[in-house]
């Protein structure tokens, strides 16, 4: 009986070792592409995911983006791309909301600096306007502010009206900045 049990255990151990040696196929994530002697897979062996990965790597190499990883010193380095980082002047932003508070706000995006309002009539005025404000620079400057006014009829508001709104926003922004500096 002892021999029978020992033979059974040896057989199970042998099968376990044999099965373990067969691992490394598709179930383990290895497609077996690079096991050939040349190391170059054929076209029918490449999957869509591998094609996409290869394209991403080629694009990164073409752009000069080397995947060097990150270090602790990367936290202290200003490595933001100025083409993707948008900064908005907070005084122009707040002044735009203060001056055009009679208009209902439809959408606000502080990351891109765009405020879109609905139609509304100014206090004491009869004509309804709609405004789109674009704060495009962190500087407190007239070049940082763009205001587009539209009448309810669909036409653009007069240049004098647009200029008056821009001047009012710039004046209010300067007042807000002076108030902050006194704190």
N, C-alpha and C. Protein backbone atom coordinates (compact mmCIF):
# COMPACT_ATOMS: atom_id res chain seq x y z
N UNK A 1 0.82 -1.18 0.00
CA UNK A 1 0.00 0.00 0.00
C UNK A 1 0.87 1.25 0.00
N UNK A 2 1.97 1.18 0.71
CA UNK A 2 2.90 2.29 0.79
C UNK A 2 3.51 2.61 -0.57
N UNK A 3 3.84 1.61 -1.35
CA UNK A 3 4.44 1.79 -2.66
C UNK A 3 3.42 2.43 -3.60
N UNK A 4 2.20 1.99 -3.50
CA UNK A 4 1.14 2.54 -4.35
C UNK A 4 0.96 4.03 -4.07
N UNK A 5 0.97 4.40 -2.81
CA UNK A 5 0.80 5.80 -2.40
C UNK A 5 2.00 6.63 -2.86
N UNK A 6 3.19 6.10 -2.74
CA UNK A 6 4.40 6.79 -3.16
C UNK A 6 4.43 7.00 -4.67
N UNK A 7 3.99 6.00 -5.42
CA UNK A 7 3.92 6.10 -6.88
C UNK A 7 2.90 7.15 -7.29
N UNK A 8 1.78 7.18 -6.60
CA UNK A 8 0.74 8.16 -6.88
C UNK A 8 1.26 9.58 -6.64
N UNK A 9 1.97 9.81 -5.56
CA UNK A 9 2.52 11.12 -5.23
C UNK A 9 3.57 11.55 -6.24
N UNK A 10 4.42 10.59 -6.67
CA UNK A 10 5.45 10.89 -7.66
C UNK A 10 4.81 11.27 -8.98
N UNK A 11 3.74 10.60 -9.34
CA UNK A 11 3.05 10.89 -10.59
C UNK A 11 2.41 12.28 -10.54
N UNK A 12 1.79 12.64 -9.45
CA UNK A 12 1.18 13.97 -9.30
C UNK A 12 2.25 15.05 -9.34
N UNK A 13 3.38 14.82 -8.66
CA UNK A 13 4.47 15.79 -8.67
C UNK A 13 5.03 15.94 -10.07
N UNK A 14 5.17 14.85 -10.82
CA UNK A 14 5.66 14.91 -12.19
C UNK A 14 4.73 15.68 -13.10
N UNK A 15 3.43 15.44 -12.96
CA UNK A 15 2.45 16.18 -13.77
C UNK A 15 2.44 17.66 -13.42
N UNK A 16 2.60 17.99 -12.14
CA UNK A 16 2.64 19.38 -11.72
C UNK A 16 3.84 20.09 -12.32
N UNK A 17 5.00 19.45 -12.30
CA UNK A 17 6.21 20.03 -12.87
C UNK A 17 6.05 20.19 -14.38
N UNK A 18 5.46 19.19 -15.02
CA UNK A 18 5.27 19.27 -16.48
C UNK A 18 4.31 20.40 -16.85
N UNK A 19 3.24 20.56 -16.09
CA UNK A 19 2.29 21.65 -16.35
C UNK A 19 2.92 23.01 -16.08
N UNK A 20 3.73 23.11 -15.06
CA UNK A 20 4.39 24.38 -14.75
C UNK A 20 5.35 24.78 -15.86
N UNK A 21 5.97 23.81 -16.48
CA UNK A 21 6.89 24.09 -17.58
C UNK A 21 6.18 24.54 -18.84
N UNK A 22 4.90 24.24 -18.95
CA UNK A 22 4.13 24.64 -20.13
C UNK A 22 3.59 26.05 -20.02
N UNK A 23 3.75 26.72 -18.90
CA UNK A 23 3.22 28.07 -18.71
C UNK A 23 3.93 29.07 -19.60
N UNK A 24 3.43 30.30 -19.60
CA UNK A 24 4.06 31.37 -20.39
C UNK A 24 3.38 31.54 -21.73
N UNK A 25 2.23 30.98 -21.92
CA UNK A 25 1.50 31.14 -23.17
C UNK A 25 0.60 32.36 -23.11
N UNK A 26 -0.53 32.31 -23.80
CA UNK A 26 -1.43 33.46 -23.87
C UNK A 26 -2.07 33.79 -22.53
N UNK A 27 -2.26 32.80 -21.68
CA UNK A 27 -2.90 33.06 -20.39
C UNK A 27 -2.03 33.93 -19.50
N UNK A 28 -0.72 33.86 -19.65
CA UNK A 28 0.15 34.66 -18.80
C UNK A 28 0.45 36.02 -19.41
N UNK A 29 -0.13 36.30 -20.59
CA UNK A 29 0.11 37.60 -21.21
C UNK A 29 1.23 37.59 -22.22
N UNK A 30 1.96 36.51 -22.33
CA UNK A 30 3.06 36.41 -23.29
C UNK A 30 2.50 35.81 -24.57
N UNK A 31 2.55 36.55 -25.65
CA UNK A 31 2.01 36.04 -26.90
C UNK A 31 3.00 35.18 -27.64
N UNK A 32 4.20 35.09 -27.17
CA UNK A 32 5.20 34.25 -27.81
C UNK A 32 5.76 34.86 -29.08
N UNK A 33 5.61 36.15 -29.29
CA UNK A 33 6.03 36.78 -30.53
C UNK A 33 7.54 36.82 -30.69
N UNK A 34 8.24 37.03 -29.62
CA UNK A 34 9.67 37.28 -29.74
C UNK A 34 10.50 36.05 -29.35
N UNK A 35 9.93 34.86 -29.48
CA UNK A 35 10.67 33.65 -29.17
C UNK A 35 11.38 33.09 -30.39
N UNK A 36 11.06 33.63 -31.55
CA UNK A 36 11.72 33.13 -32.75
C UNK A 36 13.20 33.49 -32.72
N UNK A 37 13.96 32.83 -33.50
CA UNK A 37 15.40 33.04 -33.47
C UNK A 37 15.78 34.41 -34.00
N UNK A 38 15.01 34.98 -34.98
CA UNK A 38 15.37 36.28 -35.52
C UNK A 38 14.91 37.42 -34.63
N UNK A 39 13.90 37.18 -33.78
CA UNK A 39 13.42 38.23 -32.89
C UNK A 39 12.45 39.18 -33.57
N UNK A 40 12.18 39.03 -34.86
CA UNK A 40 11.26 39.91 -35.57
C UNK A 40 9.98 39.14 -35.84
N UNK A 41 8.84 39.64 -35.32
CA UNK A 41 7.59 38.94 -35.53
C UNK A 41 7.07 39.13 -36.95
N UNK A 42 6.30 38.18 -37.41
CA UNK A 42 5.67 38.32 -38.72
C UNK A 42 4.42 39.17 -38.57
N UNK A 43 3.87 39.64 -39.69
CA UNK A 43 2.72 40.55 -39.66
C UNK A 43 1.50 39.90 -39.05
N UNK A 44 1.30 38.61 -39.24
CA UNK A 44 0.12 37.96 -38.68
C UNK A 44 0.25 37.70 -37.18
N UNK A 45 1.45 37.86 -36.63
CA UNK A 45 1.65 37.66 -35.20
C UNK A 45 1.45 38.94 -34.39
N UNK A 46 1.40 40.08 -35.03
CA UNK A 46 1.28 41.35 -34.33
C UNK A 46 -0.19 41.67 -34.11
N UNK A 47 -0.56 41.98 -32.87
CA UNK A 47 -1.94 42.33 -32.55
C UNK A 47 -2.14 43.83 -32.68
N UNK A 48 -3.39 44.24 -32.64
CA UNK A 48 -3.71 45.67 -32.75
C UNK A 48 -3.12 46.47 -31.60
N UNK A 49 -3.14 45.90 -30.40
CA UNK A 49 -2.58 46.61 -29.24
C UNK A 49 -1.09 46.85 -29.43
N UNK A 50 -0.41 45.84 -29.94
CA UNK A 50 1.04 45.98 -30.14
C UNK A 50 1.34 47.00 -31.23
N UNK A 51 0.48 47.05 -32.26
CA UNK A 51 0.66 48.06 -33.30
C UNK A 51 0.49 49.46 -32.73
N UNK A 52 -0.55 49.63 -31.91
CA UNK A 52 -0.81 50.94 -31.31
C UNK A 52 0.35 51.34 -30.40
N UNK A 53 0.86 50.40 -29.61
CA UNK A 53 2.00 50.70 -28.74
C UNK A 53 3.23 51.10 -29.54
N UNK A 54 3.47 50.39 -30.64
CA UNK A 54 4.62 50.71 -31.49
C UNK A 54 4.47 52.09 -32.12
N UNK A 55 3.24 52.45 -32.52
CA UNK A 55 3.02 53.77 -33.09
C UNK A 55 3.24 54.87 -32.06
N UNK A 56 2.76 54.63 -30.83
CA UNK A 56 2.96 55.64 -29.77
C UNK A 56 4.45 55.83 -29.49
N UNK A 57 5.18 54.74 -29.44
CA UNK A 57 6.62 54.84 -29.19
C UNK A 57 7.33 55.57 -30.32
N UNK A 58 6.92 55.31 -31.55
CA UNK A 58 7.54 55.99 -32.70
C UNK A 58 7.23 57.48 -32.67
N UNK A 59 6.01 57.84 -32.32
CA UNK A 59 5.65 59.26 -32.22
C UNK A 59 6.43 59.95 -31.11
N UNK A 60 6.57 59.26 -29.98
CA UNK A 60 7.32 59.85 -28.86
C UNK A 60 8.78 60.06 -29.25
N UNK A 61 9.37 59.09 -29.97
CA UNK A 61 10.75 59.26 -30.42
C UNK A 61 10.87 60.39 -31.42
N UNK A 62 9.88 60.52 -32.31
CA UNK A 62 9.92 61.59 -33.32
C UNK A 62 9.79 62.96 -32.68
N UNK A 63 9.02 63.07 -31.62
CA UNK A 63 8.87 64.34 -30.92
C UNK A 63 10.03 64.64 -29.98
N UNK A 64 10.86 63.66 -29.74
CA UNK A 64 11.98 63.85 -28.84
C UNK A 64 11.62 63.65 -27.39
N UNK A 65 10.51 63.00 -27.15
CA UNK A 65 10.07 62.74 -25.79
C UNK A 65 10.68 61.43 -25.32
N UNK A 66 11.62 61.52 -24.48
CA UNK A 66 12.23 60.32 -23.94
C UNK A 66 11.57 59.99 -22.62
N UNK A 67 11.19 58.77 -22.43
CA UNK A 67 10.57 58.34 -21.19
C UNK A 67 11.66 58.08 -20.17
N UNK A 68 12.07 59.13 -19.47
CA UNK A 68 13.16 59.00 -18.51
C UNK A 68 12.66 58.75 -17.11
N UNK A 69 11.35 58.74 -16.91
CA UNK A 69 10.82 58.56 -15.58
C UNK A 69 10.85 59.88 -14.83
N UNK A 70 10.47 59.84 -13.58
CA UNK A 70 10.46 61.07 -12.80
C UNK A 70 11.27 60.88 -11.54
N UNK A 71 11.75 61.99 -11.03
CA UNK A 71 12.54 61.97 -9.81
C UNK A 71 11.90 62.91 -8.80
N UNK A 72 12.47 62.94 -7.63
CA UNK A 72 11.98 63.82 -6.59
C UNK A 72 12.17 65.28 -6.98
N UNK A 73 13.21 65.59 -7.75
CA UNK A 73 13.49 66.96 -8.14
C UNK A 73 12.50 67.48 -9.18
N UNK A 74 11.77 66.59 -9.85
CA UNK A 74 10.76 67.02 -10.81
C UNK A 74 9.63 67.78 -10.13
N UNK A 75 9.43 67.55 -8.84
CA UNK A 75 8.39 68.28 -8.12
C UNK A 75 8.71 69.77 -8.02
N UNK A 76 9.99 70.11 -8.01
CA UNK A 76 10.41 71.49 -7.83
C UNK A 76 10.74 72.19 -9.14
N UNK A 77 10.67 71.49 -10.23
CA UNK A 77 11.00 72.04 -11.53
C UNK A 77 9.71 72.49 -12.21
N UNK A 78 9.72 73.66 -12.82
CA UNK A 78 8.57 74.15 -13.56
C UNK A 78 8.65 73.57 -14.97
N UNK A 79 8.01 72.43 -15.17
CA UNK A 79 8.11 71.76 -16.46
C UNK A 79 6.80 71.82 -17.22
N UNK A 80 5.91 72.75 -16.87
CA UNK A 80 4.65 72.88 -17.60
C UNK A 80 4.91 73.43 -18.99
N UNK A 81 4.19 72.90 -19.93
CA UNK A 81 4.28 73.37 -21.31
C UNK A 81 3.49 74.66 -21.41
N UNK A 82 4.10 75.79 -21.79
CA UNK A 82 3.36 77.05 -21.85
C UNK A 82 2.28 77.05 -22.92
N UNK A 83 2.34 76.13 -23.85
CA UNK A 83 1.31 76.06 -24.87
C UNK A 83 0.04 75.38 -24.37
N UNK A 84 0.12 74.63 -23.30
CA UNK A 84 -1.06 73.96 -22.76
C UNK A 84 -1.51 74.55 -21.44
N UNK A 85 -0.66 75.26 -20.76
CA UNK A 85 -1.04 75.88 -19.50
C UNK A 85 -1.67 77.23 -19.77
N UNK A 86 -2.89 77.42 -19.31
CA UNK A 86 -3.60 78.67 -19.52
C UNK A 86 -3.72 79.37 -18.18
N UNK A 87 -3.31 80.60 -18.14
CA UNK A 87 -3.41 81.38 -16.92
C UNK A 87 -4.37 82.54 -17.17
N UNK A 88 -5.21 82.81 -16.19
CA UNK A 88 -6.23 83.84 -16.32
C UNK A 88 -6.02 84.85 -15.21
N UNK A 89 -6.12 86.13 -15.54
CA UNK A 89 -6.00 87.18 -14.55
C UNK A 89 -7.25 87.18 -13.67
N UNK A 90 -7.06 86.97 -12.38
CA UNK A 90 -8.20 86.84 -11.48
C UNK A 90 -8.97 88.14 -11.32
N UNK A 91 -8.31 89.28 -11.46
CA UNK A 91 -8.99 90.56 -11.33
C UNK A 91 -9.88 90.83 -12.54
N UNK A 92 -9.38 90.53 -13.73
CA UNK A 92 -10.21 90.68 -14.93
C UNK A 92 -11.39 89.71 -14.90
N UNK A 93 -11.14 88.52 -14.40
CA UNK A 93 -12.21 87.52 -14.32
C UNK A 93 -13.31 87.98 -13.38
N UNK A 94 -12.93 88.41 -12.18
CA UNK A 94 -13.92 88.84 -11.20
C UNK A 94 -14.62 90.12 -11.65
N UNK A 95 -13.87 91.04 -12.24
CA UNK A 95 -14.45 92.29 -12.72
C UNK A 95 -15.47 92.03 -13.84
N UNK A 96 -15.20 91.08 -14.70
CA UNK A 96 -16.15 90.74 -15.76
C UNK A 96 -17.46 90.23 -15.16
N UNK A 97 -17.34 89.39 -14.13
CA UNK A 97 -18.55 88.88 -13.48
C UNK A 97 -19.29 90.00 -12.74
N UNK A 98 -18.54 90.94 -12.14
CA UNK A 98 -19.17 92.04 -11.42
C UNK A 98 -19.89 93.01 -12.36
N UNK A 99 -19.23 93.40 -13.43
CA UNK A 99 -19.79 94.40 -14.34
C UNK A 99 -20.99 93.84 -15.10
N UNK A 100 -20.91 92.61 -15.52
CA UNK A 100 -21.98 92.01 -16.31
C UNK A 100 -22.90 91.13 -15.46
N UNK A 101 -23.09 91.52 -14.21
CA UNK A 101 -23.91 90.72 -13.30
C UNK A 101 -25.40 90.74 -13.66
N UNK A 102 -25.82 91.63 -14.53
CA UNK A 102 -27.22 91.68 -14.95
C UNK A 102 -27.51 90.65 -16.04
N UNK A 103 -26.48 90.03 -16.60
CA UNK A 103 -26.66 89.02 -17.64
C UNK A 103 -26.63 87.63 -17.01
N UNK A 104 -27.56 86.75 -17.41
CA UNK A 104 -27.51 85.39 -16.87
C UNK A 104 -26.33 84.61 -17.46
N UNK A 105 -25.60 83.93 -16.60
CA UNK A 105 -24.42 83.19 -17.04
C UNK A 105 -24.86 81.84 -17.60
N UNK A 106 -24.42 81.55 -18.82
CA UNK A 106 -24.73 80.26 -19.45
C UNK A 106 -23.61 79.26 -19.23
N UNK A 107 -22.36 79.69 -19.41
CA UNK A 107 -21.25 78.79 -19.15
C UNK A 107 -20.03 79.59 -18.72
N UNK A 108 -19.24 78.96 -17.86
CA UNK A 108 -18.03 79.58 -17.32
C UNK A 108 -16.94 78.52 -17.34
N UNK A 109 -15.78 78.89 -17.88
CA UNK A 109 -14.64 77.97 -17.89
C UNK A 109 -13.41 78.74 -17.44
N UNK A 110 -13.07 78.69 -16.15
CA UNK A 110 -11.93 79.46 -15.66
C UNK A 110 -10.59 78.96 -16.16
N UNK A 111 -10.53 77.73 -16.67
CA UNK A 111 -9.26 77.19 -17.16
C UNK A 111 -8.90 77.76 -18.53
N UNK A 112 -9.91 78.06 -19.35
CA UNK A 112 -9.64 78.66 -20.66
C UNK A 112 -9.91 80.15 -20.65
N UNK A 113 -10.58 80.66 -19.63
CA UNK A 113 -10.83 82.08 -19.52
C UNK A 113 -12.04 82.57 -20.29
N UNK A 114 -13.04 81.72 -20.50
CA UNK A 114 -14.21 82.09 -21.29
C UNK A 114 -15.44 82.14 -20.40
N UNK A 115 -16.19 83.25 -20.53
CA UNK A 115 -17.48 83.42 -19.87
C UNK A 115 -18.50 83.69 -20.96
N UNK A 116 -19.56 82.91 -21.00
CA UNK A 116 -20.63 83.11 -21.98
C UNK A 116 -21.90 83.39 -21.21
N UNK A 117 -22.57 84.48 -21.57
CA UNK A 117 -23.80 84.87 -20.89
C UNK A 117 -24.98 84.74 -21.83
N UNK A 118 -26.17 84.79 -21.24
CA UNK A 118 -27.40 84.80 -22.02
C UNK A 118 -27.82 86.25 -22.25
N UNK A 119 -28.99 86.41 -22.84
CA UNK A 119 -29.50 87.76 -23.13
C UNK A 119 -30.05 88.40 -21.86
N UNK A 120 -29.77 89.69 -21.73
CA UNK A 120 -30.28 90.47 -20.62
C UNK A 120 -30.12 91.94 -20.92
N UNK A 121 -31.01 92.74 -20.35
CA UNK A 121 -30.97 94.19 -20.56
C UNK A 121 -30.26 94.84 -19.38
N UNK A 122 -29.39 95.81 -19.66
CA UNK A 122 -28.72 96.50 -18.55
C UNK A 122 -29.73 97.34 -17.76
N UNK A 123 -29.43 97.62 -16.49
CA UNK A 123 -30.34 98.43 -15.70
C UNK A 123 -30.53 99.80 -16.34
N UNK A 124 -31.76 100.18 -16.55
CA UNK A 124 -32.06 101.46 -17.16
C UNK A 124 -31.98 101.45 -18.68
N UNK A 125 -31.70 100.32 -19.28
CA UNK A 125 -31.60 100.22 -20.74
C UNK A 125 -32.73 99.37 -21.29
N UNK A 126 -33.01 99.55 -22.57
CA UNK A 126 -34.11 98.81 -23.17
C UNK A 126 -33.64 97.69 -24.08
N UNK A 127 -32.44 97.77 -24.58
CA UNK A 127 -31.95 96.78 -25.53
C UNK A 127 -31.27 95.63 -24.78
N UNK A 128 -31.58 94.39 -25.20
CA UNK A 128 -30.99 93.21 -24.57
C UNK A 128 -29.71 92.83 -25.29
N UNK A 129 -28.73 92.44 -24.51
CA UNK A 129 -27.43 92.04 -25.06
C UNK A 129 -27.07 90.66 -24.56
N UNK A 130 -26.16 90.05 -25.29
CA UNK A 130 -25.54 88.79 -24.90
C UNK A 130 -24.04 89.02 -25.01
N UNK A 131 -23.25 88.48 -24.06
CA UNK A 131 -21.81 88.74 -24.05
C UNK A 131 -21.01 87.45 -23.98
N UNK A 132 -19.87 87.49 -24.65
CA UNK A 132 -18.86 86.44 -24.52
C UNK A 132 -17.57 87.14 -24.13
N UNK A 133 -17.02 86.78 -22.99
CA UNK A 133 -15.80 87.41 -22.47
C UNK A 133 -14.68 86.39 -22.52
N UNK A 134 -13.53 86.84 -22.99
CA UNK A 134 -12.36 85.96 -23.08
C UNK A 134 -11.20 86.65 -22.39
N UNK A 135 -10.77 86.11 -21.27
CA UNK A 135 -9.60 86.61 -20.54
C UNK A 135 -8.46 85.69 -20.94
N UNK A 136 -7.51 86.21 -21.73
CA UNK A 136 -6.54 85.34 -22.38
C UNK A 136 -5.12 85.44 -21.85
N UNK A 137 -4.89 86.25 -20.84
CA UNK A 137 -3.52 86.42 -20.37
C UNK A 137 -3.54 86.71 -18.87
N UNK A 138 -2.49 86.37 -18.14
CA UNK A 138 -2.46 86.67 -16.71
C UNK A 138 -2.18 88.14 -16.40
N UNK A 139 -1.83 88.93 -17.39
CA UNK A 139 -1.50 90.34 -17.14
C UNK A 139 -2.78 91.16 -17.00
N UNK A 140 -2.72 92.15 -16.13
CA UNK A 140 -3.84 93.08 -15.99
C UNK A 140 -3.64 94.17 -17.04
N UNK A 141 -4.09 93.87 -18.25
CA UNK A 141 -3.81 94.71 -19.40
C UNK A 141 -5.02 94.65 -20.33
N UNK A 142 -5.22 95.69 -21.10
CA UNK A 142 -6.33 95.74 -22.04
C UNK A 142 -6.21 94.66 -23.11
N UNK A 143 -4.98 94.27 -23.44
CA UNK A 143 -4.79 93.22 -24.45
C UNK A 143 -5.19 91.85 -23.94
N UNK A 144 -5.35 91.70 -22.64
CA UNK A 144 -5.72 90.42 -22.05
C UNK A 144 -7.21 90.16 -22.09
N UNK A 145 -7.99 91.16 -22.44
CA UNK A 145 -9.45 91.07 -22.37
C UNK A 145 -10.08 91.22 -23.74
N UNK A 146 -11.00 90.33 -24.07
CA UNK A 146 -11.79 90.42 -25.29
C UNK A 146 -13.25 90.28 -24.91
N UNK A 147 -14.06 91.24 -25.36
CA UNK A 147 -15.49 91.21 -25.09
C UNK A 147 -16.22 91.28 -26.42
N UNK A 148 -17.14 90.36 -26.62
CA UNK A 148 -17.99 90.36 -27.82
C UNK A 148 -19.43 90.48 -27.36
N UNK A 149 -20.11 91.53 -27.82
CA UNK A 149 -21.51 91.76 -27.47
C UNK A 149 -22.38 91.51 -28.70
N UNK A 150 -23.56 90.94 -28.45
CA UNK A 150 -24.49 90.65 -29.52
C UNK A 150 -25.87 91.11 -29.07
N UNK A 151 -26.62 91.72 -29.98
CA UNK A 151 -27.98 92.14 -29.67
C UNK A 151 -28.93 90.98 -29.88
N UNK A 152 -30.16 91.14 -29.39
CA UNK A 152 -31.13 90.07 -29.53
C UNK A 152 -31.47 89.82 -31.00
N UNK A 153 -31.33 90.82 -31.84
CA UNK A 153 -31.60 90.65 -33.27
C UNK A 153 -30.53 89.85 -33.97
N UNK A 154 -29.45 89.54 -33.33
CA UNK A 154 -28.39 88.73 -33.91
C UNK A 154 -27.21 89.53 -34.40
N UNK A 155 -27.33 90.84 -34.42
CA UNK A 155 -26.22 91.66 -34.89
C UNK A 155 -25.25 91.99 -33.77
N UNK A 156 -24.09 92.44 -34.18
CA UNK A 156 -23.08 92.85 -33.19
C UNK A 156 -23.46 94.20 -32.59
N UNK A 157 -23.14 94.38 -31.34
CA UNK A 157 -23.40 95.66 -30.69
C UNK A 157 -22.42 96.69 -31.25
N UNK A 158 -22.73 97.96 -31.04
CA UNK A 158 -21.87 99.02 -31.57
C UNK A 158 -20.50 98.97 -30.90
N UNK A 159 -19.53 99.51 -31.60
CA UNK A 159 -18.15 99.52 -31.10
C UNK A 159 -18.05 100.35 -29.83
N UNK A 160 -18.83 101.42 -29.73
CA UNK A 160 -18.80 102.27 -28.53
C UNK A 160 -19.30 101.51 -27.31
N UNK A 161 -20.37 100.72 -27.50
CA UNK A 161 -20.91 99.93 -26.39
C UNK A 161 -19.90 98.88 -25.92
N UNK A 162 -19.29 98.20 -26.87
CA UNK A 162 -18.28 97.19 -26.51
C UNK A 162 -17.09 97.81 -25.80
N UNK A 163 -16.65 98.97 -26.30
CA UNK A 163 -15.52 99.65 -25.68
C UNK A 163 -15.88 100.13 -24.27
N UNK A 164 -17.11 100.61 -24.08
CA UNK A 164 -17.53 101.06 -22.75
C UNK A 164 -17.55 99.88 -21.76
N UNK A 165 -18.00 98.73 -22.20
CA UNK A 165 -18.01 97.54 -21.33
C UNK A 165 -16.59 97.13 -20.98
N UNK A 166 -15.70 97.11 -21.99
CA UNK A 166 -14.30 96.76 -21.74
C UNK A 166 -13.65 97.73 -20.77
N UNK A 167 -13.91 99.03 -20.94
CA UNK A 167 -13.34 100.04 -20.03
C UNK A 167 -13.86 99.85 -18.60
N UNK A 168 -15.15 99.55 -18.48
CA UNK A 168 -15.73 99.34 -17.15
C UNK A 168 -15.11 98.11 -16.48
N UNK A 169 -14.90 97.05 -17.24
CA UNK A 169 -14.28 95.84 -16.68
C UNK A 169 -12.85 96.12 -16.25
N UNK A 170 -12.08 96.84 -17.10
CA UNK A 170 -10.69 97.15 -16.75
C UNK A 170 -10.61 98.05 -15.53
N UNK A 171 -11.51 99.03 -15.43
CA UNK A 171 -11.52 99.92 -14.27
C UNK A 171 -11.83 99.14 -13.00
N UNK A 172 -12.83 98.26 -13.06
CA UNK A 172 -13.19 97.46 -11.89
C UNK A 172 -12.05 96.50 -11.52
N UNK A 173 -11.35 95.94 -12.50
CA UNK A 173 -10.22 95.05 -12.23
C UNK A 173 -9.11 95.79 -11.50
N UNK A 174 -8.85 97.00 -11.91
CA UNK A 174 -7.81 97.80 -11.23
C UNK A 174 -8.24 98.11 -9.79
N UNK A 175 -9.53 98.40 -9.58
CA UNK A 175 -10.03 98.66 -8.24
C UNK A 175 -9.86 97.41 -7.35
N UNK A 176 -10.17 96.25 -7.91
CA UNK A 176 -10.01 95.01 -7.14
C UNK A 176 -8.55 94.75 -6.78
N UNK A 177 -7.65 95.06 -7.69
CA UNK A 177 -6.22 94.86 -7.44
C UNK A 177 -5.75 95.81 -6.34
N UNK A 178 -6.20 97.04 -6.37
CA UNK A 178 -5.81 98.01 -5.34
C UNK A 178 -6.34 97.57 -3.98
N UNK A 179 -7.58 97.05 -3.95
CA UNK A 179 -8.14 96.56 -2.70
C UNK A 179 -7.30 95.39 -2.15
N UNK A 180 -6.84 94.51 -3.02
CA UNK A 180 -6.01 93.38 -2.57
C UNK A 180 -4.65 93.85 -2.03
N UNK A 181 -4.10 94.88 -2.63
CA UNK A 181 -2.76 95.34 -2.19
C UNK A 181 -2.83 96.03 -0.83
N UNK A 182 -4.00 96.51 -0.44
CA UNK A 182 -4.15 97.17 0.86
C UNK A 182 -4.28 96.18 2.01
N UNK A 183 -4.54 94.94 1.68
CA UNK A 183 -4.65 93.93 2.75
C UNK A 183 -3.31 93.64 3.26
